[in-house]
Amino acid sequence: MEEIRISNSSSLAHRELKNSRLREDFNTQLLALLRNDVIIANPEPGEIIQPEDILIVFGREDKLRELEKEAAGMVKL
């Protein structure tokens, strides 16, 4: 399990969760979003990922490292 912060330059920023491909591309399960010190547990598919959101995700370590790079804006989907 990992907490991953979304940067402003991430291609995940401003996307709806249902279009984020977190499961398909990174084989991760999103458990919650942390936004402005508020936990959004089991967020709805239409929730939009915002810069500075923290994704609380579960998955394999190698895939979580890939997601961290994506979240930091180091790669583009």
PDB file of N, CA and C in Angstrom:
ATOM      1  N   MET A   1       0.853  -1.161   0.000  1.00  0.00           N
ATOM      2  CA  MET A   1       0.000   0.000   0.000  1.00  0.00           C
ATOM      3  C   MET A   1       0.899   1.225   0.000  1.00  0.00           C
ATOM      4  N   GLU A   2       0.446   2.280  -0.690  1.00  0.00           N
ATOM      5  CA  GLU A   2       1.270   3.466  -0.867  1.00  0.00           C
ATOM      6  C   GLU A   2       0.383   4.712  -0.941  1.00  0.00           C
ATOM      7  N   GLU A   3       0.955   5.826  -0.503  1.00  0.00           N
ATOM      8  CA  GLU A   3       0.325   7.135  -0.695  1.00  0.00           C
ATOM      9  C   GLU A   3       1.121   7.849  -1.774  1.00  0.00           C
ATOM     10  N   ILE A   4       0.441   8.262  -2.845  1.00  0.00           N
ATOM     11  CA  ILE A   4       1.119   8.857  -3.989  1.00  0.00           C
ATOM     12  C   ILE A   4       0.485  10.209  -4.299  1.00  0.00           C
ATOM     13  N   ARG A   5       1.325  11.254  -4.283  1.00  0.00           N
ATOM     14  CA  ARG A   5       0.859  12.622  -4.548  1.00  0.00           C
ATOM     15  C   ARG A   5       0.861  12.906  -6.051  1.00  0.00           C
ATOM     16  N   ILE A   6      -0.195  13.553  -6.512  1.00  0.00           N
ATOM     17  CA  ILE A   6      -0.335  13.922  -7.917  1.00  0.00           C
ATOM     18  C   ILE A   6       0.245  15.324  -8.132  1.00  0.00           C
ATOM     19  N   SER A   7       1.198  15.431  -9.044  1.00  0.00           N
ATOM     20  CA  SER A   7       1.778  16.739  -9.355  1.00  0.00           C
ATOM     21  C   SER A   7       0.927  17.443 -10.409  1.00  0.00           C
ATOM     22  N   ASN A   8       1.138  18.722 -10.526  1.00  0.00           N
ATOM     23  CA  ASN A   8       0.411  19.509 -11.524  1.00  0.00           C
ATOM     24  C   ASN A   8       0.760  19.064 -12.936  1.00  0.00           C
ATOM     25  N   SER A   9       1.967  18.538 -13.127  1.00  0.00           N
ATOM     26  CA  SER A   9       2.403  18.132 -14.460  1.00  0.00           C
ATOM     27  C   SER A   9       2.057  16.677 -14.798  1.00  0.00           C
ATOM     28  N   SER A  10       1.422  15.971 -13.885  1.00  0.00           N
ATOM     29  CA  SER A  10       1.043  14.585 -14.135  1.00  0.00           C
ATOM     30  C   SER A  10      -0.094  14.519 -15.146  1.00  0.00           C
ATOM     31  N   SER A  11      -0.026  13.530 -16.026  1.00  0.00           N
ATOM     32  CA  SER A  11      -1.130  13.339 -16.977  1.00  0.00           C
ATOM     33  C   SER A  11      -2.386  12.819 -16.280  1.00  0.00           C
ATOM     34  N   LEU A  12      -2.264  12.407 -15.017  1.00  0.00           N
ATOM     35  CA  LEU A  12      -3.437  11.959 -14.257  1.00  0.00           C
ATOM     36  C   LEU A  12      -4.236  13.138 -13.702  1.00  0.00           C
ATOM     37  N   ALA A  13      -3.590  14.290 -13.555  1.00  0.00           N
ATOM     38  CA  ALA A  13      -4.274  15.466 -13.001  1.00  0.00           C
ATOM     39  C   ALA A  13      -5.395  15.898 -13.944  1.00  0.00           C
ATOM     40  N   HIS A  14      -6.524  16.237 -13.364  1.00  0.00           N
ATOM     41  CA  HIS A  14      -7.710  16.728 -14.071  1.00  0.00           C
ATOM     42  C   HIS A  14      -8.441  15.633 -14.846  1.00  0.00           C
ATOM     43  N   ARG A  15      -8.151  14.374 -14.554  1.00  0.00           N
ATOM     44  CA  ARG A  15      -8.862  13.255 -15.179  1.00  0.00           C
ATOM     45  C   ARG A  15      -9.894  12.690 -14.226  1.00  0.00           C
ATOM     46  N   GLU A  16     -10.998  12.210 -14.788  1.00  0.00           N
ATOM     47  CA  GLU A  16     -11.948  11.460 -13.977  1.00  0.00           C
ATOM     48  C   GLU A  16     -11.315  10.118 -13.638  1.00  0.00           C
ATOM     49  N   LEU A  17     -11.623   9.613 -12.456  1.00  0.00           N
ATOM     50  CA  LEU A  17     -11.072   8.316 -12.047  1.00  0.00           C
ATOM     51  C   LEU A  17     -11.381   7.230 -13.067  1.00  0.00           C
ATOM     52  N   LYS A  18     -12.589   7.250 -13.604  1.00  0.00           N
ATOM     53  CA  LYS A  18     -12.969   6.200 -14.556  1.00  0.00           C
ATOM     54  C   LYS A  18     -12.125   6.230 -15.820  1.00  0.00           C
ATOM     55  N   ASN A  19     -11.456   7.342 -16.109  1.00  0.00           N
ATOM     56  CA  ASN A  19     -10.593   7.457 -17.277  1.00  0.00           C
ATOM     57  C   ASN A  19      -9.114   7.468 -16.919  1.00  0.00           C
ATOM     58  N   SER A  20      -8.791   7.212 -15.670  1.00  0.00           N
ATOM     59  CA  SER A  20      -7.402   7.301 -15.216  1.00  0.00           C
ATOM     60  C   SER A  20      -6.567   6.075 -15.570  1.00  0.00           C
ATOM     61  N   ARG A  21      -7.216   4.942 -15.791  1.00  0.00           N
ATOM     62  CA  ARG A  21      -6.548   3.678 -16.136  1.00  0.00           C
ATOM     63  C   ARG A  21      -5.605   3.194 -15.039  1.00  0.00           C
ATOM     64  N   LEU A  22      -5.909   3.548 -13.787  1.00  0.00           N
ATOM     65  CA  LEU A  22      -5.072   3.102 -12.669  1.00  0.00           C
ATOM     66  C   LEU A  22      -5.012   1.584 -12.601  1.00  0.00           C
ATOM     67  N   ARG A  23      -6.129   0.947 -12.791  1.00  0.00           N
ATOM     68  CA  ARG A  23      -6.179  -0.520 -12.720  1.00  0.00           C
ATOM     69  C   ARG A  23      -5.556  -1.148 -13.968  1.00  0.00           C
ATOM     70  N   GLU A  24      -5.914  -0.639 -15.138  1.00  0.00           N
ATOM     71  CA  GLU A  24      -5.451  -1.239 -16.391  1.00  0.00           C
ATOM     72  C   GLU A  24      -3.941  -1.069 -16.596  1.00  0.00           C
ATOM     73  N   ASP A  25      -3.422   0.138 -16.370  1.00  0.00           N
ATOM     74  CA  ASP A  25      -2.014   0.421 -16.659  1.00  0.00           C
ATOM     75  C   ASP A  25      -1.075   0.104 -15.498  1.00  0.00           C
ATOM     76  N   PHE A  26      -1.571   0.200 -14.269  1.00  0.00           N
ATOM     77  CA  PHE A  26      -0.702   0.046 -13.113  1.00  0.00           C
ATOM     78  C   PHE A  26      -1.113  -1.107 -12.197  1.00  0.00           C
ATOM     79  N   ASN A  27      -2.208  -1.778 -12.542  1.00  0.00           N
ATOM     80  CA  ASN A  27      -2.692  -2.919 -11.767  1.00  0.00           C
ATOM     81  C   ASN A  27      -2.812  -2.574 -10.278  1.00  0.00           C
ATOM     82  N   THR A  28      -3.372  -1.401 -10.010  1.00  0.00           N
ATOM     83  CA  THR A  28      -3.538  -0.940  -8.631  1.00  0.00           C
ATOM     84  C   THR A  28      -5.009  -0.772  -8.296  1.00  0.00           C
ATOM     85  N   GLN A  29      -5.298  -0.850  -7.028  1.00  0.00           N
ATOM     86  CA  GLN A  29      -6.644  -0.625  -6.501  1.00  0.00           C
ATOM     87  C   GLN A  29      -6.628   0.675  -5.708  1.00  0.00           C
ATOM     88  N   LEU A  30      -7.439   1.631  -6.124  1.00  0.00           N
ATOM     89  CA  LEU A  30      -7.547   2.896  -5.394  1.00  0.00           C
ATOM     90  C   LEU A  30      -8.463   2.694  -4.191  1.00  0.00           C
ATOM     91  N   LEU A  31      -7.928   2.924  -3.008  1.00  0.00           N
ATOM     92  CA  LEU A  31      -8.707   2.768  -1.783  1.00  0.00           C
ATOM     93  C   LEU A  31      -9.360   4.071  -1.353  1.00  0.00           C
ATOM     94  N   ALA A  32      -8.628   5.188  -1.534  1.00  0.00           N
ATOM     95  CA  ALA A  32      -9.148   6.483  -1.101  1.00  0.00           C
ATOM     96  C   ALA A  32      -8.322   7.594  -1.739  1.00  0.00           C
ATOM     97  N   LEU A  33      -8.888   8.788  -1.702  1.00  0.00           N
ATOM     98  CA  LEU A  33      -8.189  10.012  -2.078  1.00  0.00           C
ATOM     99  C   LEU A  33      -8.062  10.860  -0.826  1.00  0.00           C
ATOM    100  N   LEU A  34      -6.942  11.518  -0.681  1.00  0.00           N
ATOM    101  CA  LEU A  34      -6.771  12.487   0.397  1.00  0.00           C
ATOM    102  C   LEU A  34      -6.648  13.844  -0.269  1.00  0.00           C
ATOM    103  N   ARG A  35      -7.606  14.721   0.006  1.00  0.00           N
ATOM    104  CA  ARG A  35      -7.646  16.051  -0.603  1.00  0.00           C
ATOM    105  C   ARG A  35      -7.892  17.081   0.489  1.00  0.00           C
ATOM    106  N   ASN A  36      -6.939  17.996   0.646  1.00  0.00           N
ATOM    107  CA  ASN A  36      -7.080  19.067   1.640  1.00  0.00           C
ATOM    108  C   ASN A  36      -7.413  18.506   3.015  1.00  0.00           C
ATOM    109  N   ASP A  37      -6.707  17.474   3.416  1.00  0.00           N
ATOM    110  CA  ASP A  37      -6.878  16.825   4.718  1.00  0.00           C
ATOM    111  C   ASP A  37      -8.232  16.142   4.898  1.00  0.00           C
ATOM    112  N   VAL A  38      -8.947  15.910   3.798  1.00  0.00           N
ATOM    113  CA  VAL A  38     -10.218  15.186   3.830  1.00  0.00           C
ATOM    114  C   VAL A  38     -10.036  13.874   3.086  1.00  0.00           C
ATOM    115  N   ILE A  39     -10.410  12.781   3.721  1.00  0.00           N
ATOM    116  CA  ILE A  39     -10.321  11.466   3.090  1.00  0.00           C
ATOM    117  C   ILE A  39     -11.618  11.191   2.338  1.00  0.00           C
ATOM    118  N   ILE A  40     -11.473  10.861   1.068  1.00  0.00           N
ATOM    119  CA  ILE A  40     -12.615  10.454   0.249  1.00  0.00           C
ATOM    120  C   ILE A  40     -12.453   8.952   0.036  1.00  0.00           C
ATOM    121  N   ALA A  41     -13.142   8.166   0.851  1.00  0.00           N
ATOM    122  CA  ALA A  41     -13.060   6.706   0.774  1.00  0.00           C
ATOM    123  C   ALA A  41     -13.932   6.214  -0.372  1.00  0.00           C
ATOM    124  N   ASN A  42     -13.439   5.213  -1.080  1.00  0.00           N
ATOM    125  CA  ASN A  42     -14.168   4.651  -2.216  1.00  0.00           C
ATOM    126  C   ASN A  42     -14.730   5.749  -3.121  1.00  0.00           C
ATOM    127  N   PRO A  43     -13.872   6.576  -3.681  1.00  0.00           N
ATOM    128  CA  PRO A  43     -14.359   7.686  -4.508  1.00  0.00           C
ATOM    129  C   PRO A  43     -15.151   7.193  -5.718  1.00  0.00           C
ATOM    130  N   GLU A  44     -16.094   7.999  -6.140  1.00  0.00           N
ATOM    131  CA  GLU A  44     -16.945   7.670  -7.277  1.00  0.00           C
ATOM    132  C   GLU A  44     -16.136   7.724  -8.576  1.00  0.00           C
ATOM    133  N   PRO A  45     -16.529   6.965  -9.584  1.00  0.00           N
ATOM    134  CA  PRO A  45     -15.803   6.960 -10.857  1.00  0.00           C
ATOM    135  C   PRO A  45     -15.718   8.337 -11.522  1.00  0.00           C
ATOM    136  N   GLY A  46     -16.684   9.198 -11.259  1.00  0.00           N
ATOM    137  CA  GLY A  46     -16.691  10.527 -11.853  1.00  0.00           C
ATOM    138  C   GLY A  46     -15.854  11.554 -11.103  1.00  0.00           C
ATOM    139  N   GLU A  47     -15.277  11.158  -9.971  1.00  0.00           N
ATOM    140  CA  GLU A  47     -14.417  12.062  -9.194  1.00  0.00           C
ATOM    141  C   GLU A  47     -13.211  12.455 -10.049  1.00  0.00           C
ATOM    142  N   ILE A  48     -12.878  13.728 -10.041  1.00  0.00           N
ATOM    143  CA  ILE A  48     -11.759  14.219 -10.832  1.00  0.00           C
ATOM    144  C   ILE A  48     -10.511  14.312  -9.958  1.00  0.00           C
ATOM    145  N   ILE A  49      -9.426  13.715 -10.448  1.00  0.00           N
ATOM    146  CA  ILE A  49      -8.147  13.769  -9.736  1.00  0.00           C
ATOM    147  C   ILE A  49      -7.587  15.182  -9.868  1.00  0.00           C
ATOM    148  N   GLN A  50      -7.274  15.790  -8.734  1.00  0.00           N
ATOM    149  CA  GLN A  50      -6.756  17.153  -8.714  1.00  0.00           C
ATOM    150  C   GLN A  50      -5.257  17.150  -8.386  1.00  0.00           C
ATOM    151  N   PRO A  51      -4.518  18.144  -8.902  1.00  0.00           N
ATOM    152  CA  PRO A  51      -3.127  18.278  -8.468  1.00  0.00           C
ATOM    153  C   PRO A  51      -3.082  18.409  -6.946  1.00  0.00           C
ATOM    154  N   GLU A  52      -2.093  17.798  -6.351  1.00  0.00           N
ATOM    155  CA  GLU A  52      -1.881  17.749  -4.903  1.00  0.00           C
ATOM    156  C   GLU A  52      -2.769  16.736  -4.193  1.00  0.00           C
ATOM    157  N   ASP A  53      -3.689  16.075  -4.904  1.00  0.00           N
ATOM    158  CA  ASP A  53      -4.403  14.946  -4.300  1.00  0.00           C
ATOM    159  C   ASP A  53      -3.387  13.870  -3.952  1.00  0.00           C
ATOM    160  N   ILE A  54      -3.675  13.111  -2.934  1.00  0.00           N
ATOM    161  CA  ILE A  54      -2.869  11.953  -2.588  1.00  0.00           C
ATOM    162  C   ILE A  54      -3.729  10.717  -2.822  1.00  0.00           C
ATOM    163  N   LEU A  55      -3.243   9.842  -3.683  1.00  0.00           N
ATOM    164  CA  LEU A  55      -3.934   8.591  -3.958  1.00  0.00           C
ATOM    165  C   LEU A  55      -3.450   7.552  -2.956  1.00  0.00           C
ATOM    166  N   ILE A  56      -4.370   6.889  -2.311  1.00  0.00           N
ATOM    167  CA  ILE A  56      -4.027   5.783  -1.427  1.00  0.00           C
ATOM    168  C   ILE A  56      -4.372   4.524  -2.207  1.00  0.00           C
ATOM    169  N   VAL A  57      -3.314   3.825  -2.635  1.00  0.00           N
ATOM    170  CA  VAL A  57      -3.479   2.711  -3.557  1.00  0.00           C
ATOM    171  C   VAL A  57      -2.803   1.453  -3.031  1.00  0.00           C
ATOM    172  N   PHE A  58      -3.295   0.335  -3.509  1.00  0.00           N
ATOM    173  CA  PHE A  58      -2.752  -0.973  -3.168  1.00  0.00           C
ATOM    174  C   PHE A  58      -2.329  -1.640  -4.466  1.00  0.00           C
ATOM    175  N   GLY A  59      -1.146  -2.239  -4.465  1.00  0.00           N
ATOM    176  CA  GLY A  59      -0.704  -2.953  -5.650  1.00  0.00           C
ATOM    177  C   GLY A  59       0.699  -3.492  -5.472  1.00  0.00           C
ATOM    178  N   ARG A  60       1.209  -4.095  -6.539  1.00  0.00           N
ATOM    179  CA  ARG A  60       2.568  -4.636  -6.524  1.00  0.00           C
ATOM    180  C   ARG A  60       3.579  -3.494  -6.477  1.00  0.00           C
ATOM    181  N   GLU A  61       4.699  -3.740  -5.819  1.00  0.00           N
ATOM    182  CA  GLU A  61       5.708  -2.693  -5.633  1.00  0.00           C
ATOM    183  C   GLU A  61       6.212  -2.120  -6.953  1.00  0.00           C
ATOM    184  N   ASP A  62       6.484  -2.961  -7.940  1.00  0.00           N
ATOM    185  CA  ASP A  62       6.998  -2.459  -9.210  1.00  0.00           C
ATOM    186  C   ASP A  62       5.987  -1.564  -9.914  1.00  0.00           C
ATOM    187  N   LYS A  63       4.721  -1.916  -9.846  1.00  0.00           N
ATOM    188  CA  LYS A  63       3.673  -1.101 -10.474  1.00  0.00           C
ATOM    189  C   LYS A  63       3.445   0.200  -9.701  1.00  0.00           C
ATOM    190  N   LEU A  64       3.593   0.139  -8.379  1.00  0.00           N
ATOM    191  CA  LEU A  64       3.461   1.367  -7.587  1.00  0.00           C
ATOM    192  C   LEU A  64       4.590   2.342  -7.932  1.00  0.00           C
ATOM    193  N   ARG A  65       5.788   1.846  -8.203  1.00  0.00           N
ATOM    194  CA  ARG A  65       6.908   2.713  -8.595  1.00  0.00           C
ATOM    195  C   ARG A  65       6.613   3.376  -9.937  1.00  0.00           C
ATOM    196  N   GLU A  66       6.024   2.614 -10.872  1.00  0.00           N
ATOM    197  CA  GLU A  66       5.631   3.190 -12.166  1.00  0.00           C
ATOM    198  C   GLU A  66       4.582   4.278 -11.965  1.00  0.00           C
ATOM    199  N   LEU A  67       3.616   4.012 -11.104  1.00  0.00           N
ATOM    200  CA  LEU A  67       2.572   4.998 -10.830  1.00  0.00           C
ATOM    201  C   LEU A  67       3.161   6.245 -10.178  1.00  0.00           C
ATOM    202  N   GLU A  68       4.120   6.079  -9.287  1.00  0.00           N
ATOM    203  CA  GLU A  68       4.774   7.243  -8.668  1.00  0.00           C
ATOM    204  C   GLU A  68       5.412   8.135  -9.734  1.00  0.00           C
ATOM    205  N   LYS A  69       6.065   7.534 -10.717  1.00  0.00           N
ATOM    206  CA  LYS A  69       6.677   8.317 -11.795  1.00  0.00           C
ATOM    207  C   LYS A  69       5.618   9.070 -12.594  1.00  0.00           C
ATOM    208  N   GLU A  70       4.533   8.385 -12.882  1.00  0.00           N
ATOM    209  CA  GLU A  70       3.428   9.017 -13.611  1.00  0.00           C
ATOM    210  C   GLU A  70       2.837  10.167 -12.811  1.00  0.00           C
ATOM    211  N   ALA A  71       2.632   9.936 -11.529  1.00  0.00           N
ATOM    212  CA  ALA A  71       2.039  10.951 -10.653  1.00  0.00           C
ATOM    213  C   ALA A  71       2.946  12.182 -10.517  1.00  0.00           C
ATOM    214  N   ALA A  72       4.245  11.957 -10.606  1.00  0.00           N
ATOM    215  CA  ALA A  72       5.208  13.061 -10.505  1.00  0.00           C
ATOM    216  C   ALA A  72       5.357  13.804 -11.832  1.00  0.00           C
ATOM    217  N   GLY A  73       4.736  13.289 -12.889  1.00  0.00           N
ATOM    218  CA  GLY A  73       4.832  13.940 -14.191  1.00  0.00           C
ATOM    219  C   GLY A  73       6.093  13.577 -14.932  1.00  0.00           C
ATOM    220  N   MET A  74       6.715  12.460 -14.547  1.00  0.00           N
ATOM    221  CA  MET A  74       7.971  12.038 -15.178  1.00  0.00           C
ATOM    222  C   MET A  74       7.738  11.268 -16.464  1.00  0.00           C
ATOM    223  N   VAL A  75       6.539  10.754 -16.674  1.00  0.00           N
ATOM    224  CA  VAL A  75       6.182  10.040 -17.889  1.00  0.00           C
ATOM    225  C   VAL A  75       4.777  10.458 -18.293  1.00  0.00           C
ATOM    226  N   LYS A  76       4.430  10.218 -19.524  1.00  0.00           N
ATOM    227  CA  LYS A  76       3.094  10.548 -20.030  1.00  0.00           C
ATOM    228  C   LYS A  76       2.400   9.296 -20.494  1.00  0.00           C
ATOM    229  N   LEU A  77       1.100   9.206 -20.202  1.00  0.00           N
ATOM    230  CA  LEU A  77       0.305   8.070 -20.682  1.00  0.00           C
ATOM    231  C   LEU A  77      -0.039   8.268 -22.147  1.00  0.00           C
TER     232      LEU A  77
END
